[in-house]
Protein backbone atom coordinates (compact mmCIF):
# COMPACT_ATOMS: atom_id res chain seq x y z
CA MET A 1 -0.03 -0.31 0.07
CA LYS A 2 1.11 3.51 -1.11
CA GLN A 3 2.19 5.72 1.85
CA ARG A 4 2.95 9.35 2.13
CA ILE A 5 5.63 10.13 4.78
CA GLY A 6 5.70 13.29 7.10
CA THR A 7 5.22 14.69 10.23
CA PHE A 8 2.18 15.16 12.16
CA GLN A 9 1.89 18.68 11.55
CA ASP A 10 1.97 17.90 7.81
CA PHE A 11 -1.10 15.60 8.38
CA LYS A 12 -3.06 18.29 10.40
CA ASP A 13 -2.03 21.05 7.98
CA TYR A 14 -3.54 18.50 4.87
CA THR A 15 -6.61 17.31 6.55
CA LEU A 16 -7.74 21.35 7.38
CA ALA A 17 -6.70 22.39 4.18
CA ILE A 18 -9.68 19.58 2.87
CA ALA A 19 -11.99 20.75 5.27
CA ARG A 20 -11.40 24.04 4.78
CA GLY A 21 -12.06 23.69 0.69
CA GLN A 22 -9.00 25.43 0.07
CA ARG A 23 -7.57 22.09 -1.87
CA PRO A 24 -9.44 19.00 -3.24
CA ALA A 25 -9.29 15.45 -1.79
CA ASP A 26 -7.04 13.86 -4.91
CA PRO A 27 -8.45 10.36 -4.60
CA SER A 28 -5.12 9.07 -6.39
CA GLU A 29 -2.97 10.25 -3.16
CA PRO A 30 -1.82 8.20 -0.49
CA LYS A 31 -4.73 7.14 2.37
CA VAL A 32 -1.56 5.97 5.06
CA TRP A 33 0.54 8.55 6.80
CA SER A 34 4.08 7.50 7.70
CA ASP A 35 5.76 9.45 10.32
CA ALA A 36 8.74 11.04 8.75
CA VAL A 37 11.20 9.55 11.57
CA ALA A 38 9.48 6.44 11.95
CA ALA A 39 10.31 5.81 8.33
CA LYS A 40 14.00 6.35 8.44
CA GLY A 41 14.19 3.86 11.00
CA GLY A 42 15.44 6.18 13.80
CA ALA A 43 12.47 6.26 16.32
CA GLU A 44 12.61 4.89 19.56
CA PRO A 45 9.26 3.55 21.32
CA GLU A 46 8.43 6.28 23.18
CA GLN A 47 8.70 8.70 20.17
CA LEU A 48 6.71 6.30 18.09
CA ALA A 49 4.32 6.01 20.75
CA SER A 50 3.96 10.19 21.06
CA HIS A 51 3.64 10.22 17.43
CA ALA A 52 0.75 7.77 17.69
CA ALA A 53 -1.18 9.31 20.06
CA GLY A 54 -1.15 12.74 18.71
CA ILE A 55 -2.65 11.59 15.39
CA SER A 56 -4.95 9.89 17.85
CA HIS A 57 -6.05 13.20 19.92
CA TYR A 58 -6.59 14.67 16.30
CA ILE A 59 -8.67 12.02 14.77
CA HIS A 60 -10.92 10.91 17.64
CA SER A 61 -11.28 14.11 19.57
CA THR A 62 -14.73 13.46 20.60
CA LEU A 63 -13.96 9.94 21.72
CA ARG A 64 -11.20 11.10 23.93
CA GLU A 65 -13.73 13.76 25.61
CA LYS A 66 -16.16 10.83 26.27
CA ILE A 67 -13.86 8.98 27.73
CA VAL A 68 -11.97 11.60 30.25
CA GLU A 69 -16.03 12.42 31.18
CA HIS A 70 -16.21 8.58 32.07
CA VAL A 71 -13.23 8.76 34.30
CA PHE A 72 -14.12 11.78 36.08
CA VAL A 73 -16.88 10.82 37.17
CA GLY A 74 -15.54 7.35 38.44
CA GLU A 75 -12.76 9.01 40.40
CA ALA A 76 -15.75 11.36 41.81
CA LEU A 77 -17.67 9.08 42.65
CA ARG A 78 -14.76 7.14 44.23
CA ALA A 79 -13.25 10.47 46.12
CA LEU A 80 -17.03 11.07 47.54
CA TRP A 81 -17.17 7.56 48.66
CA LYS A 82 -14.32 7.53 50.80
CA CYS A 83 -15.25 10.50 52.41
CA GLY A 84 -18.63 8.56 53.17
CA ALA A 85 -20.88 10.56 50.65
CA THR A 86 -22.97 8.26 48.89
CA ASP A 87 -26.00 10.07 48.36
CA VAL A 88 -25.13 11.35 44.83
CA GLU A 89 -26.97 11.69 41.74
CA VAL A 90 -25.10 12.03 38.25
CA LEU A 91 -27.52 12.36 35.09
CA ARG A 92 -25.99 12.93 31.54
CA SER A 93 -27.08 15.04 28.87
CA GLU A 94 -28.36 12.98 25.61
CA PHE A 95 -27.60 16.29 23.80
CA ASP A 96 -25.04 19.48 24.23
CA VAL A 97 -28.28 21.98 23.49
CA GLY A 98 -28.01 23.32 27.19
CA GLY A 99 -24.32 23.79 27.39
CA TYR A 100 -23.83 21.10 29.72
CA ASP A 101 -22.43 17.62 29.39
CA LEU A 102 -23.18 16.16 33.16
CA VAL A 103 -25.08 16.98 35.74
CA MET A 104 -24.06 16.28 39.42
CA SER A 105 -26.34 16.69 42.37
CA TYR A 106 -25.24 16.31 46.25
CA ARG A 107 -26.61 17.74 49.47
CA GLY A 108 -29.30 19.56 47.17
CA ILE A 109 -26.31 21.53 45.10
CA VAL A 110 -27.28 20.68 41.20
CA ARG A 111 -23.99 21.39 39.10
CA HIS A 112 -24.59 21.81 35.55
CA ILE A 113 -21.01 20.65 34.05
CA GLN A 114 -19.26 21.55 30.52
CA PHE A 115 -16.32 19.56 30.15
CA LYS A 116 -12.68 20.05 28.48
CA SER A 117 -9.84 18.26 27.91
CA SER A 118 -6.47 18.57 26.98
CA ILE A 119 -3.02 16.50 27.03
CA ASP A 120 -0.20 17.07 29.63
CA GLY A 121 2.22 19.49 27.99
CA GLY A 122 0.16 20.83 25.50
CA LYS A 123 -0.33 24.36 24.38
CA ALA A 124 -4.08 24.86 24.50
CA ALA A 125 -4.48 28.34 25.87
CA ARG A 126 -7.91 28.55 25.62
CA VAL A 127 -11.78 27.11 25.15
CA ASN A 128 -15.09 27.75 23.98
CA VAL A 129 -17.76 27.96 26.73
CA SER A 130 -21.49 27.84 26.02
CA VAL A 131 -23.57 31.11 26.74
CA LYS A 132 -25.80 28.65 27.81
CA LEU A 133 -23.98 27.27 30.83
CA MET A 134 -24.04 30.85 32.14
CA GLY A 135 -28.01 30.75 32.42
CA LYS A 136 -27.57 28.16 35.29
CA PRO A 137 -28.08 28.46 38.99
CA SER A 138 -24.55 26.92 39.44
CA GLY A 139 -22.67 26.27 36.33
CA CYS A 140 -19.61 25.75 35.79
CA VAL A 141 -16.36 24.08 33.48
CA ILE A 142 -14.50 21.55 34.35
CA TRP A 143 -11.12 21.47 32.07
CA THR A 144 -9.25 18.15 32.72
CA VAL A 145 -5.63 17.61 31.80
CA VAL A 146 -4.68 14.10 30.71
CA SER A 147 -1.43 12.13 30.24
CA PRO A 148 -1.64 11.58 26.49
CA ASN A 149 -1.07 7.41 26.05
CA GLU A 150 -2.92 6.36 29.16
CA LEU A 151 -5.65 9.34 29.75
CA GLU A 152 -4.95 9.32 33.10
CA LEU A 153 -6.23 12.35 35.33
CA LYS A 154 -3.28 15.16 36.13
CA SER A 155 -4.50 18.01 37.13
CA TYR A 156 -7.88 20.63 36.65
CA ARG A 157 -8.75 23.93 36.01
CA TRP A 158 -11.95 25.25 37.36
CA LEU A 159 -14.22 27.62 35.97
CA GLY A 160 -16.95 28.50 38.49
CA ALA A 161 -18.36 30.54 41.56
CA ARG A 162 -20.08 29.26 45.01
CA PRO A 163 -23.02 26.71 44.78
CA GLY A 164 -26.11 28.19 43.57
CA LYS A 165 -24.15 30.90 41.71
CA ARG A 166 -24.04 31.82 38.26
CA LEU A 167 -20.99 32.14 36.39
CA SER A 168 -19.28 35.65 36.57
CA ASP A 169 -20.33 38.59 33.62
CA ASN A 170 -18.91 36.89 30.59
CA SER A 171 -18.82 40.58 28.29
CA LYS A 172 -15.25 40.53 28.45
CA TRP A 173 -14.83 36.99 26.63
CA LYS A 174 -14.88 37.21 23.19
CA ILE A 175 -17.53 35.44 20.76
CA ALA A 176 -16.25 32.30 19.08
CA LYS A 177 -15.64 31.50 15.70
CA HIS A 178 -16.78 28.28 13.89
CA PRO A 179 -13.57 25.99 13.31
CA LYS A 180 -14.64 25.88 9.01
CA ALA A 181 -14.54 28.56 6.91
CA ASN A 182 -18.10 29.28 4.73
CA ALA A 183 -17.39 29.05 1.38
CA GLN A 184 -16.13 32.48 0.79
CA GLY A 185 -13.05 31.19 3.12
CA ILE A 186 -15.14 33.27 6.13
CA LYS A 187 -15.10 32.08 9.62
CA LEU A 188 -18.35 33.10 11.02
CA GLU A 189 -19.17 33.47 14.62
CA LYS A 190 -20.59 31.65 17.08
CA PRO A 191 -22.81 33.99 18.60
CA ASN A 192 -24.07 30.98 21.64
CA HIS A 193 -20.43 30.44 22.48
CA LYS A 194 -17.40 32.87 24.32
CA VAL A 195 -13.41 32.26 24.03
CA VAL A 196 -12.70 31.59 27.46
CA PRO A 197 -8.42 32.07 27.98
CA ILE A 198 -6.61 29.82 30.71
CA GLY A 199 -5.92 32.44 32.85
CA ASP A 200 -9.44 33.22 33.47
CA PHE A 201 -9.11 28.95 34.87
CA GLU A 202 -8.05 28.39 39.22
CA LYS A 203 -5.94 25.42 38.58
CA LEU A 204 -6.79 22.51 41.08
CA ASP A 205 -4.22 19.86 41.47
CA THR A 206 -6.19 16.74 42.98
CA MET A 207 -10.21 15.74 42.41
CA GLU A 208 -10.66 16.30 46.86
CA ALA A 209 -10.14 19.73 45.71
CA VAL A 210 -12.51 20.01 42.49
CA LEU A 211 -15.42 18.14 44.79
CA ARG A 212 -14.80 21.11 47.40
CA LYS A 213 -15.50 23.98 44.39
CA LEU A 214 -18.50 21.93 43.36
CA PHE A 215 -20.13 21.20 46.56
CA GLY A 216 -18.24 22.90 49.48
CA ARG A 217 -18.01 21.39 52.22
CA LEU A 218 -17.67 17.32 51.92
CA PRO A 219 -18.57 14.70 54.91
C-alpha cells in the first residue's frame, strides 16, 4: 500500500486544508501516512508512541472527551465514597443543547458541568464555553489535563462560582468562531459560545479540590 511520509503537523495541515475547501481531495493520493522519523527507522518506541497518541488525539477528539468524562465521574464518585458521601446523583445530557455535558447533585446542590480536556504538556490556551451554561444557577466548566497515552487525570482547571451562583459576567470574553470557513473563506461567529482564556481558570491539583469547588464542604 502506498504511503505518504510526513510529520503529524503535515497531516494536520493537509486535513484542515481539505476540510476548509482550500484544496480538493485527490483520490490518487496515498491514504496512509507514515511519520518521517519512523519511516527512517530512527525513532525510539517512546517517540513512536508519542506520535501515535498525537494523531489519535487529533482524529478522535470526541472519543477522548467521552473517555475522560467517564474517568472523571468514576474518580469523583470514588473520592466521595471515601469521604462517606453516597447520596450523589449523576445525570448525563443526551444532547449538548443546554451548554452542559453532565449534572451532578449532592446535598441539594445541583451542578451543570461542561467538560473540556487537553493533553499534559500541550499548548491549549483557550476553550469555547457555551453561553447557555452561564444561565444555569451553578453552571461551571471543568477542564481536565490528561496524560497523552493512558488518559490519566493529571490536574484540573476550574471555572465557576460558589454553589448556587452563576458564572461571572462574560462580557469580557470574545465571541467564538466556527473552526471551518464558509465557501468565501470566512469563519463565521458562533454567538452562543465565548472564548475563555486559560488564565481565567483556576488550577486545581486534586480531585478533592474539585469536589470542594463543586459542593463546598465535604463530609
